[in-house]
């Protein structure tokens, strides 16, 4: 399983010798960088029979935007997608929930 995600605000964007993977933030805004595959551990806990067979790689990819995007605008698009072309695939809720609530 390969998980591709955008760079997040907590990710280092420069080299940091204090980290085990000191290169993980190496020019993160210009490179695809490896991140910790916590997903494999989470899936292994939820589905123990997959624990020894599932392998994953997680990479952070720079996603430059042409303009500033407001959080409320993202919510509108996600909500529209969940009711339209992604109905049954994408769920949307503004309730304070976590994944096991679904």
C-alpha atoms as a PDB file:
ATOM      1  CA  UNK A   1       0.000   0.000   0.000  1.00  0.00           C
ATOM      2  CA  UNK A   2       1.389   3.384  -0.965  1.00  0.00           C
ATOM      3  CA  UNK A   3      -0.054   6.477   0.635  1.00  0.00           C
ATOM      4  CA  UNK A   4       0.581   9.805  -1.027  1.00  0.00           C
ATOM      5  CA  UNK A   5      -0.271  12.937   0.900  1.00  0.00           C
ATOM      6  CA  UNK A   6       0.429  16.633   0.759  1.00  0.00           C
ATOM      7  CA  UNK A   7       3.016  18.268   2.973  1.00  0.00           C
ATOM      8  CA  UNK A   8       1.410  19.166   6.296  1.00  0.00           C
ATOM      9  CA  UNK A   9       2.050  22.104   8.577  1.00  0.00           C
ATOM     10  CA  UNK A  10       3.902  20.008  11.179  1.00  0.00           C
ATOM     11  CA  UNK A  11       6.342  18.518   8.660  1.00  0.00           C
ATOM     12  CA  UNK A  12       9.866  19.877   8.700  1.00  0.00           C
ATOM     13  CA  UNK A  13      10.777  21.568   5.446  1.00  0.00           C
ATOM     14  CA  UNK A  14      14.548  21.720   5.978  1.00  0.00           C
ATOM     15  CA  UNK A  15      17.190  19.186   7.030  1.00  0.00           C
ATOM     16  CA  UNK A  16      17.306  18.583  10.763  1.00  0.00           C
ATOM     17  CA  UNK A  17      20.213  16.614  12.247  1.00  0.00           C
ATOM     18  CA  UNK A  18      18.235  15.926  15.428  1.00  0.00           C
ATOM     19  CA  UNK A  19      15.878  13.593  13.566  1.00  0.00           C
ATOM     20  CA  UNK A  20      16.620   9.920  12.826  1.00  0.00           C
ATOM     21  CA  UNK A  21      15.686  10.574   9.221  1.00  0.00           C
ATOM     22  CA  UNK A  22      17.552  13.849   8.959  1.00  0.00           C
ATOM     23  CA  UNK A  23      16.826  14.088   5.242  1.00  0.00           C
ATOM     24  CA  UNK A  24      13.048  13.699   5.637  1.00  0.00           C
ATOM     25  CA  UNK A  25      12.474  17.436   5.366  1.00  0.00           C
ATOM     26  CA  UNK A  26      15.117  18.071   2.737  1.00  0.00           C
ATOM     27  CA  UNK A  27      13.626  20.856   0.638  1.00  0.00           C
ATOM     28  CA  UNK A  28      10.190  19.364   1.234  1.00  0.00           C
ATOM     29  CA  UNK A  29       8.542  22.016  -0.894  1.00  0.00           C
ATOM     30  CA  UNK A  30      10.495  20.759  -3.910  1.00  0.00           C
ATOM     31  CA  UNK A  31      10.854  17.011  -3.294  1.00  0.00           C
ATOM     32  CA  UNK A  32       8.791  13.938  -2.596  1.00  0.00           C
ATOM     33  CA  UNK A  33       9.884  12.932   0.903  1.00  0.00           C
ATOM     34  CA  UNK A  34       9.323   9.754   2.945  1.00  0.00           C
ATOM     35  CA  UNK A  35       7.288   9.972   6.124  1.00  0.00           C
ATOM     36  CA  UNK A  36       6.550   7.522   8.929  1.00  0.00           C
ATOM     37  CA  UNK A  37       4.180   4.713   7.873  1.00  0.00           C
ATOM     38  CA  UNK A  38       1.915   4.859  10.936  1.00  0.00           C
ATOM     39  CA  UNK A  39      -0.896   3.641   8.706  1.00  0.00           C
ATOM     40  CA  UNK A  40       0.529   0.115   8.581  1.00  0.00           C
ATOM     41  CA  UNK A  41       0.565  -0.065  12.370  1.00  0.00           C
ATOM     42  CA  UNK A  42      -2.983   1.276  12.587  1.00  0.00           C
ATOM     43  CA  UNK A  43      -4.316  -1.205  10.024  1.00  0.00           C
ATOM     44  CA  UNK A  44      -2.471  -4.010  11.835  1.00  0.00           C
ATOM     45  CA  UNK A  45      -4.205  -3.117  15.087  1.00  0.00           C
ATOM     46  CA  UNK A  46      -7.619  -2.887  13.445  1.00  0.00           C
ATOM     47  CA  UNK A  47      -7.170  -6.018  11.321  1.00  0.00           C
ATOM     48  CA  UNK A  48      -4.657  -8.323  13.071  1.00  0.00           C
ATOM     49  CA  UNK A  49      -4.677 -10.913  10.268  1.00  0.00           C
ATOM     50  CA  UNK A  50      -3.105  -8.289   7.967  1.00  0.00           C
ATOM     51  CA  UNK A  51      -0.430  -7.239  10.455  1.00  0.00           C
ATOM     52  CA  UNK A  52       2.358  -9.457   9.079  1.00  0.00           C
ATOM     53  CA  UNK A  53       1.390  -9.247   5.419  1.00  0.00           C
ATOM     54  CA  UNK A  54       0.718  -5.551   4.938  1.00  0.00           C
ATOM     55  CA  UNK A  55       3.552  -3.273   3.879  1.00  0.00           C
ATOM     56  CA  UNK A  56       3.201   0.418   3.267  1.00  0.00           C
ATOM     57  CA  UNK A  57       5.136   3.443   2.166  1.00  0.00           C
ATOM     58  CA  UNK A  58       4.038   6.971   2.923  1.00  0.00           C
ATOM     59  CA  UNK A  59       5.364   9.914   0.966  1.00  0.00           C
ATOM     60  CA  UNK A  60       4.685  13.622   1.256  1.00  0.00           C
ATOM     61  CA  UNK A  61       4.357  15.449  -2.034  1.00  0.00           C
ATOM     62  CA  UNK A  62       4.592  19.209  -2.557  1.00  0.00           C
ATOM     63  CA  UNK A  63       1.260  20.591  -3.747  1.00  0.00           C
ATOM     64  CA  UNK A  64       1.823  24.185  -4.801  1.00  0.00           C
ATOM     65  CA  UNK A  65      -1.378  26.160  -5.127  1.00  0.00           C
ATOM     66  CA  UNK A  66      -1.884  29.001  -7.577  1.00  0.00           C
ATOM     67  CA  UNK A  67      -3.874  30.951  -5.017  1.00  0.00           C
ATOM     68  CA  UNK A  68      -4.572  30.977  -1.312  1.00  0.00           C
ATOM     69  CA  UNK A  69      -7.339  28.586  -0.351  1.00  0.00           C
ATOM     70  CA  UNK A  70      -9.574  29.164   2.647  1.00  0.00           C
ATOM     71  CA  UNK A  71     -10.578  26.256   4.865  1.00  0.00           C
ATOM     72  CA  UNK A  72     -14.270  27.077   4.408  1.00  0.00           C
ATOM     73  CA  UNK A  73     -13.848  26.867   0.611  1.00  0.00           C
ATOM     74  CA  UNK A  74     -12.285  23.406   0.930  1.00  0.00           C
ATOM     75  CA  UNK A  75     -15.207  22.301   3.112  1.00  0.00           C
ATOM     76  CA  UNK A  76     -17.709  23.471   0.472  1.00  0.00           C
ATOM     77  CA  UNK A  77     -15.979  21.517  -2.303  1.00  0.00           C
ATOM     78  CA  UNK A  78     -15.668  18.378  -0.152  1.00  0.00           C
ATOM     79  CA  UNK A  79     -19.342  18.574   0.821  1.00  0.00           C
ATOM     80  CA  UNK A  80     -20.396  19.017  -2.819  1.00  0.00           C
ATOM     81  CA  UNK A  81     -18.248  16.057  -3.860  1.00  0.00           C
ATOM     82  CA  UNK A  82     -19.767  13.836  -1.169  1.00  0.00           C
ATOM     83  CA  UNK A  83     -23.263  14.578  -2.452  1.00  0.00           C
ATOM     84  CA  UNK A  84     -22.376  14.483  -6.151  1.00  0.00           C
ATOM     85  CA  UNK A  85     -19.789  12.511  -8.122  1.00  0.00           C
ATOM     86  CA  UNK A  86     -18.172  10.949  -5.035  1.00  0.00           C
ATOM     87  CA  UNK A  87     -21.401   9.961  -3.278  1.00  0.00           C
ATOM     88  CA  UNK A  88     -20.867   6.625  -1.543  1.00  0.00           C
ATOM     89  CA  UNK A  89     -17.077   7.026  -1.731  1.00  0.00           C
ATOM     90  CA  UNK A  90     -16.420  10.285   0.108  1.00  0.00           C
ATOM     91  CA  UNK A  91     -18.157  11.023   3.379  1.00  0.00           C
ATOM     92  CA  UNK A  92     -18.534  14.497   4.845  1.00  0.00           C
ATOM     93  CA  UNK A  93     -19.421  15.611   8.352  1.00  0.00           C
ATOM     94  CA  UNK A  94     -18.881  18.740  10.402  1.00  0.00           C
ATOM     95  CA  UNK A  95     -19.540  16.819  13.626  1.00  0.00           C
ATOM     96  CA  UNK A  96     -16.621  16.261  16.016  1.00  0.00           C
ATOM     97  CA  UNK A  97     -15.958  12.653  14.993  1.00  0.00           C
ATOM     98  CA  UNK A  98     -13.058  10.239  14.568  1.00  0.00           C
ATOM     99  CA  UNK A  99     -12.640   7.392  12.095  1.00  0.00           C
ATOM    100  CA  UNK A 100     -14.262   4.696  14.274  1.00  0.00           C
ATOM    101  CA  UNK A 101     -17.465   6.761  14.299  1.00  0.00           C
ATOM    102  CA  UNK A 102     -17.952   5.773  10.683  1.00  0.00           C
END
